[in-house]
Amino acid sequence: KILNAKGSPETNIKGNIIINNAQVLA
């Protein structure tokens, strides 16, 4: 999950976060 500086979920993230064998892509 991507969080803002206050520790809350970042609302500017679009769609699903993709995790593959070497990258996390948001």
PDB file of all heavy atoms in Angstrom:
ATOM      1  N   LYS A   1       0.850  -1.184   0.000  1.00  0.00           N
ATOM      2  CA  LYS A   1       0.000   0.000   0.000  1.00  0.00           C
ATOM      3  C   LYS A   1       0.889   1.239   0.000  1.00  0.00           C
ATOM      4  O   LYS A   1       1.949   1.253   0.636  1.00  0.00           O
ATOM      5  CB  LYS A   1      -0.918   0.019   1.220  1.00  0.00           C
ATOM      6  CG  LYS A   1      -1.951  -1.096   1.265  1.00  0.00           C
ATOM      7  CD  LYS A   1      -2.806  -0.989   2.520  1.00  0.00           C
ATOM      8  CE  LYS A   1      -3.836  -2.111   2.585  1.00  0.00           C
ATOM      9  NZ  LYS A   1      -4.653  -2.035   3.828  1.00  0.00           N
ATOM     10  N   ILE A   2       0.457   2.276  -0.710  1.00  0.00           N
ATOM     11  CA  ILE A   2       1.179   3.544  -0.738  1.00  0.00           C
ATOM     12  C   ILE A   2       0.536   4.483   0.275  1.00  0.00           C
ATOM     13  O   ILE A   2      -0.688   4.690   0.260  1.00  0.00           O
ATOM     14  CB  ILE A   2       1.145   4.190  -2.134  1.00  0.00           C
ATOM     15  CG1 ILE A   2       1.527   3.171  -3.215  1.00  0.00           C
ATOM     16  CG2 ILE A   2       2.060   5.417  -2.167  1.00  0.00           C
ATOM     17  CD1 ILE A   2       2.933   2.674  -3.138  1.00  0.00           C
ATOM     18  N   LEU A   3       1.351   5.067   1.174  1.00  0.00           N
ATOM     19  CA  LEU A   3       0.856   5.949   2.225  1.00  0.00           C
ATOM     20  C   LEU A   3       1.406   7.358   2.029  1.00  0.00           C
ATOM     21  O   LEU A   3       2.512   7.535   1.504  1.00  0.00           O
ATOM     22  CB  LEU A   3       1.280   5.433   3.606  1.00  0.00           C
ATOM     23  CG  LEU A   3       0.969   3.960   3.924  1.00  0.00           C
ATOM     24  CD1 LEU A   3       1.498   3.616   5.307  1.00  0.00           C
ATOM     25  CD2 LEU A   3      -0.528   3.681   3.831  1.00  0.00           C
ATOM     26  N   ASN A   4       0.643   8.351   2.476  1.00  0.00           N
ATOM     27  CA  ASN A   4       1.150   9.720   2.449  1.00  0.00           C
ATOM     28  C   ASN A   4       2.020   9.969   3.689  1.00  0.00           C
ATOM     29  O   ASN A   4       2.215   9.066   4.521  1.00  0.00           O
ATOM     30  CB  ASN A   4       0.010  10.734   2.341  1.00  0.00           C
ATOM     31  CG  ASN A   4      -0.975  10.643   3.502  1.00  0.00           C
ATOM     32  OD1 ASN A   4      -0.632  10.227   4.603  1.00  0.00           O
ATOM     33  ND2 ASN A   4      -2.213  11.044   3.247  1.00  0.00           N
ATOM     34  N   ALA A   5       2.515  11.191   3.827  1.00  0.00           N
ATOM     35  CA  ALA A   5       3.445  11.500   4.918  1.00  0.00           C
ATOM     36  C   ALA A   5       2.808  11.353   6.291  1.00  0.00           C
ATOM     37  O   ALA A   5       3.505  11.182   7.299  1.00  0.00           O
ATOM     38  CB  ALA A   5       3.999  12.909   4.742  1.00  0.00           C
ATOM     39  N   LYS A   6       1.457  11.400   6.355  1.00  0.00           N
ATOM     40  CA  LYS A   6       0.756  11.261   7.630  1.00  0.00           C
ATOM     41  C   LYS A   6       0.424   9.809   7.960  1.00  0.00           C
ATOM     42  O   LYS A   6      -0.188   9.529   8.992  1.00  0.00           O
ATOM     43  CB  LYS A   6      -0.520  12.097   7.605  1.00  0.00           C
ATOM     44  CG  LYS A   6      -0.266  13.600   7.487  1.00  0.00           C
ATOM     45  CD  LYS A   6      -1.582  14.373   7.473  1.00  0.00           C
ATOM     46  CE  LYS A   6      -1.335  15.876   7.364  1.00  0.00           C
ATOM     47  NZ  LYS A   6      -2.606  16.645   7.349  1.00  0.00           N
ATOM     48  N   GLY A   7       0.787   8.890   7.058  1.00  0.00           N
ATOM     49  CA  GLY A   7       0.525   7.481   7.293  1.00  0.00           C
ATOM     50  C   GLY A   7      -0.827   6.998   6.831  1.00  0.00           C
ATOM     51  O   GLY A   7      -1.211   5.855   7.097  1.00  0.00           O
ATOM     52  N   SER A   8      -1.561   7.850   6.122  1.00  0.00           N
ATOM     53  CA  SER A   8      -2.867   7.461   5.582  1.00  0.00           C
ATOM     54  C   SER A   8      -2.716   6.987   4.136  1.00  0.00           C
ATOM     55  O   SER A   8      -1.759   7.379   3.450  1.00  0.00           O
ATOM     56  CB  SER A   8      -3.832   8.647   5.627  1.00  0.00           C
ATOM     57  OG  SER A   8      -4.002   9.104   6.955  1.00  0.00           O
ATOM     58  N   PRO A   9      -3.650   6.146   3.628  1.00  0.00           N
ATOM     59  CA  PRO A   9      -3.564   5.704   2.232  1.00  0.00           C
ATOM     60  C   PRO A   9      -3.545   6.887   1.272  1.00  0.00           C
ATOM     61  O   PRO A   9      -4.355   7.811   1.404  1.00  0.00           O
ATOM     62  CB  PRO A   9      -4.825   4.852   2.058  1.00  0.00           C
ATOM     63  CG  PRO A   9      -5.142   4.363   3.437  1.00  0.00           C
ATOM     64  CD  PRO A   9      -4.750   5.484   4.363  1.00  0.00           C
ATOM     65  N   GLU A  10      -2.620   6.871   0.315  1.00  0.00           N
ATOM     66  CA  GLU A  10      -2.493   7.941  -0.665  1.00  0.00           C
ATOM     67  C   GLU A  10      -3.638   7.849  -1.675  1.00  0.00           C
ATOM     68  O   GLU A  10      -3.788   6.844  -2.364  1.00  0.00           O
ATOM     69  CB  GLU A  10      -1.140   7.849  -1.377  1.00  0.00           C
ATOM     70  CG  GLU A  10      -0.939   8.853  -2.493  1.00  0.00           C
ATOM     71  CD  GLU A  10      -1.163  10.287  -2.049  1.00  0.00           C
ATOM     72  OE1 GLU A  10      -0.409  10.766  -1.187  1.00  0.00           O
ATOM     73  OE2 GLU A  10      -2.104  10.920  -2.578  1.00  0.00           O
ATOM     74  N   THR A  11      -4.447   8.906  -1.740  1.00  0.00           N
ATOM     75  CA  THR A  11      -5.650   8.876  -2.579  1.00  0.00           C
ATOM     76  C   THR A  11      -5.357   9.130  -4.050  1.00  0.00           C
ATOM     77  O   THR A  11      -6.234   8.958  -4.890  1.00  0.00           O
ATOM     78  CB  THR A  11      -6.667   9.918  -2.081  1.00  0.00           C
ATOM     79  OG1 THR A  11      -6.056  11.216  -2.093  1.00  0.00           O
ATOM     80  CG2 THR A  11      -7.133   9.579  -0.674  1.00  0.00           C
ATOM     81  N   ASN A  12      -4.131   9.545  -4.379  1.00  0.00           N
ATOM     82  CA  ASN A  12      -3.798   9.834  -5.779  1.00  0.00           C
ATOM     83  C   ASN A  12      -3.294   8.614  -6.547  1.00  0.00           C
ATOM     84  O   ASN A  12      -2.912   8.737  -7.706  1.00  0.00           O
ATOM     85  CB  ASN A  12      -2.738  10.940  -5.853  1.00  0.00           C
ATOM     86  CG  ASN A  12      -3.344  12.314  -5.633  1.00  0.00           C
ATOM     87  OD1 ASN A  12      -4.258  12.718  -6.350  1.00  0.00           O
ATOM     88  ND2 ASN A  12      -2.854  13.016  -4.629  1.00  0.00           N
ATOM     89  N   ILE A  13      -3.287   7.452  -5.915  1.00  0.00           N
ATOM     90  CA  ILE A  13      -2.876   6.227  -6.603  1.00  0.00           C
ATOM     91  C   ILE A  13      -4.017   5.748  -7.491  1.00  0.00           C
ATOM     92  O   ILE A  13      -5.184   5.701  -7.073  1.00  0.00           O
ATOM     93  CB  ILE A  13      -2.483   5.132  -5.596  1.00  0.00           C
ATOM     94  CG1 ILE A  13      -1.272   5.583  -4.771  1.00  0.00           C
ATOM     95  CG2 ILE A  13      -2.168   3.820  -6.312  1.00  0.00           C
ATOM     96  CD1 ILE A  13      -0.025   5.856  -5.582  1.00  0.00           C
ATOM     97  N   LYS A  14      -3.697   5.358  -8.726  1.00  0.00           N
ATOM     98  CA  LYS A  14      -4.698   4.935  -9.705  1.00  0.00           C
ATOM     99  C   LYS A  14      -4.690   3.417  -9.848  1.00  0.00           C
ATOM    100  O   LYS A  14      -3.654   2.822 -10.158  1.00  0.00           O
ATOM    101  CB  LYS A  14      -4.407   5.566 -11.070  1.00  0.00           C
ATOM    102  CG  LYS A  14      -4.367   7.097 -11.048  1.00  0.00           C
ATOM    103  CD  LYS A  14      -4.195   7.680 -12.424  1.00  0.00           C
ATOM    104  CE  LYS A  14      -2.937   7.253 -13.114  1.00  0.00           C
ATOM    105  NZ  LYS A  14      -2.674   8.025 -14.346  1.00  0.00           N
ATOM    106  N   GLY A  15      -5.829   2.803  -9.599  1.00  0.00           N
ATOM    107  CA  GLY A  15      -5.948   1.366  -9.871  1.00  0.00           C
ATOM    108  C   GLY A  15      -5.126   0.503  -8.939  1.00  0.00           C
ATOM    109  O   GLY A  15      -4.724   0.901  -7.843  1.00  0.00           O
ATOM    110  N   ASN A  16      -4.877  -0.729  -9.395  1.00  0.00           N
ATOM    111  CA  ASN A  16      -4.175  -1.718  -8.582  1.00  0.00           C
ATOM    112  C   ASN A  16      -2.668  -1.529  -8.628  1.00  0.00           C
ATOM    113  O   ASN A  16      -2.118  -1.090  -9.635  1.00  0.00           O
ATOM    114  CB  ASN A  16      -4.508  -3.135  -9.073  1.00  0.00           C
ATOM    115  CG  ASN A  16      -5.989  -3.417  -9.021  1.00  0.00           C
ATOM    116  OD1 ASN A  16      -6.677  -2.985  -8.107  1.00  0.00           O
ATOM    117  ND2 ASN A  16      -6.492  -4.135 -10.021  1.00  0.00           N
ATOM    118  N   ILE A  17      -2.009  -1.867  -7.536  1.00  0.00           N
ATOM    119  CA  ILE A  17      -0.551  -1.873  -7.492  1.00  0.00           C
ATOM    120  C   ILE A  17      -0.072  -3.221  -8.027  1.00  0.00           C
ATOM    121  O   ILE A  17      -0.532  -4.275  -7.587  1.00  0.00           O
ATOM    122  CB  ILE A  17      -0.048  -1.627  -6.068  1.00  0.00           C
ATOM    123  CG1 ILE A  17      -0.449  -0.217  -5.611  1.00  0.00           C
ATOM    124  CG2 ILE A  17       1.463  -1.801  -5.977  1.00  0.00           C
ATOM    125  CD1 ILE A  17      -0.152   0.083  -4.164  1.00  0.00           C
ATOM    126  N   ILE A  18       0.841  -3.189  -8.980  1.00  0.00           N
ATOM    127  CA  ILE A  18       1.323  -4.395  -9.637  1.00  0.00           C
ATOM    128  C   ILE A  18       2.637  -4.837  -8.994  1.00  0.00           C
ATOM    129  O   ILE A  18       3.580  -4.048  -8.866  1.00  0.00           O
ATOM    130  CB  ILE A  18       1.543  -4.159 -11.141  1.00  0.00           C
ATOM    131  CG1 ILE A  18       0.234  -3.696 -11.796  1.00  0.00           C
ATOM    132  CG2 ILE A  18       2.074  -5.421 -11.812  1.00  0.00           C
ATOM    133  CD1 ILE A  18      -0.894  -4.692 -11.718  1.00  0.00           C
ATOM    134  N   ILE A  19       2.705  -6.099  -8.584  1.00  0.00           N
ATOM    135  CA  ILE A  19       3.919  -6.662  -8.005  1.00  0.00           C
ATOM    136  C   ILE A  19       4.363  -7.826  -8.870  1.00  0.00           C
ATOM    137  O   ILE A  19       3.605  -8.772  -9.086  1.00  0.00           O
ATOM    138  CB  ILE A  19       3.690  -7.151  -6.563  1.00  0.00           C
ATOM    139  CG1 ILE A  19       3.183  -6.004  -5.685  1.00  0.00           C
ATOM    140  CG2 ILE A  19       4.979  -7.728  -5.978  1.00  0.00           C
ATOM    141  CD1 ILE A  19       2.776  -6.433  -4.288  1.00  0.00           C
ATOM    142  N   ASN A  20       5.578  -7.738  -9.409  1.00  0.00           N
ATOM    143  CA  ASN A  20       6.119  -8.882 -10.135  1.00  0.00           C
ATOM    144  C   ASN A  20       7.405  -9.331  -9.456  1.00  0.00           C
ATOM    145  O   ASN A  20       7.651  -8.991  -8.301  1.00  0.00           O
ATOM    146  CB  ASN A  20       6.319  -8.567 -11.624  1.00  0.00           C
ATOM    147  CG  ASN A  20       7.230  -7.387 -11.859  1.00  0.00           C
ATOM    148  OD1 ASN A  20       8.183  -7.159 -11.115  1.00  0.00           O
ATOM    149  ND2 ASN A  20       6.953  -6.614 -12.902  1.00  0.00           N
ATOM    150  N   ASN A  21       8.238 -10.064 -10.152  1.00  0.00           N
ATOM    151  CA  ASN A  21       9.370 -10.709  -9.498  1.00  0.00           C
ATOM    152  C   ASN A  21      10.457  -9.745  -9.061  1.00  0.00           C
ATOM    153  O   ASN A  21      11.295 -10.087  -8.242  1.00  0.00           O
ATOM    154  CB  ASN A  21       9.965 -11.764 -10.442  1.00  0.00           C
ATOM    155  CG  ASN A  21      10.746 -12.807  -9.679  1.00  0.00           C
ATOM    156  OD1 ASN A  21      10.336 -13.229  -8.606  1.00  0.00           O
ATOM    157  ND2 ASN A  21      11.871 -13.231 -10.229  1.00  0.00           N
ATOM    158  N   ALA A  22      10.458  -8.522  -9.577  1.00  0.00           N
ATOM    159  CA  ALA A  22      11.534  -7.600  -9.220  1.00  0.00           C
ATOM    160  C   ALA A  22      11.071  -6.170  -9.018  1.00  0.00           C
ATOM    161  O   ALA A  22      11.858  -5.328  -8.610  1.00  0.00           O
ATOM    162  CB  ALA A  22      12.628  -7.630 -10.292  1.00  0.00           C
ATOM    163  N   GLN A  23       9.798  -5.875  -9.324  1.00  0.00           N
ATOM    164  CA  GLN A  23       9.310  -4.506  -9.211  1.00  0.00           C
ATOM    165  C   GLN A  23       7.957  -4.438  -8.509  1.00  0.00           C
ATOM    166  O   GLN A  23       7.169  -5.382  -8.570  1.00  0.00           O
ATOM    167  CB  GLN A  23       9.153  -3.851 -10.592  1.00  0.00           C
ATOM    168  CG  GLN A  23      10.439  -3.574 -11.315  1.00  0.00           C
ATOM    169  CD  GLN A  23      10.674  -4.566 -12.421  1.00  0.00           C
ATOM    170  OE1 GLN A  23       9.752  -5.202 -12.905  1.00  0.00           O
ATOM    171  NE2 GLN A  23      11.915  -4.715 -12.821  1.00  0.00           N
ATOM    172  N   VAL A  24       7.748  -3.307  -7.867  1.00  0.00           N
ATOM    173  CA  VAL A  24       6.426  -2.914  -7.400  1.00  0.00           C
ATOM    174  C   VAL A  24       6.083  -1.655  -8.188  1.00  0.00           C
ATOM    175  O   VAL A  24       6.802  -0.655  -8.125  1.00  0.00           O
ATOM    176  CB  VAL A  24       6.420  -2.631  -5.890  1.00  0.00           C
ATOM    177  CG1 VAL A  24       5.043  -2.144  -5.442  1.00  0.00           C
ATOM    178  CG2 VAL A  24       6.829  -3.875  -5.108  1.00  0.00           C
ATOM    179  N   LEU A  25       5.003  -1.698  -8.963  1.00  0.00           N
ATOM    180  CA  LEU A  25       4.666  -0.608  -9.869  1.00  0.00           C
ATOM    181  C   LEU A  25       3.294  -0.042  -9.519  1.00  0.00           C
ATOM    182  O   LEU A  25       2.304  -0.769  -9.469  1.00  0.00           O
ATOM    183  CB  LEU A  25       4.666  -1.095 -11.319  1.00  0.00           C
ATOM    184  CG  LEU A  25       4.252  -0.081 -12.385  1.00  0.00           C
ATOM    185  CD1 LEU A  25       5.222   1.087 -12.435  1.00  0.00           C
ATOM    186  CD2 LEU A  25       4.170  -0.762 -13.758  1.00  0.00           C
ATOM    187  N   ALA A  26       3.259   1.262  -9.268  1.00  0.00           N
ATOM    188  CA  ALA A  26       1.997   1.951  -8.999  1.00  0.00           C
ATOM    189  C   ALA A  26       1.885   3.140  -9.930  1.00  0.00           C
ATOM    190  O   ALA A  26       2.889   3.804 -10.227  1.00  0.00           O
ATOM    191  CB  ALA A  26       1.932   2.402  -7.544  1.00  0.00           C
TER     192      ALA A  26
END
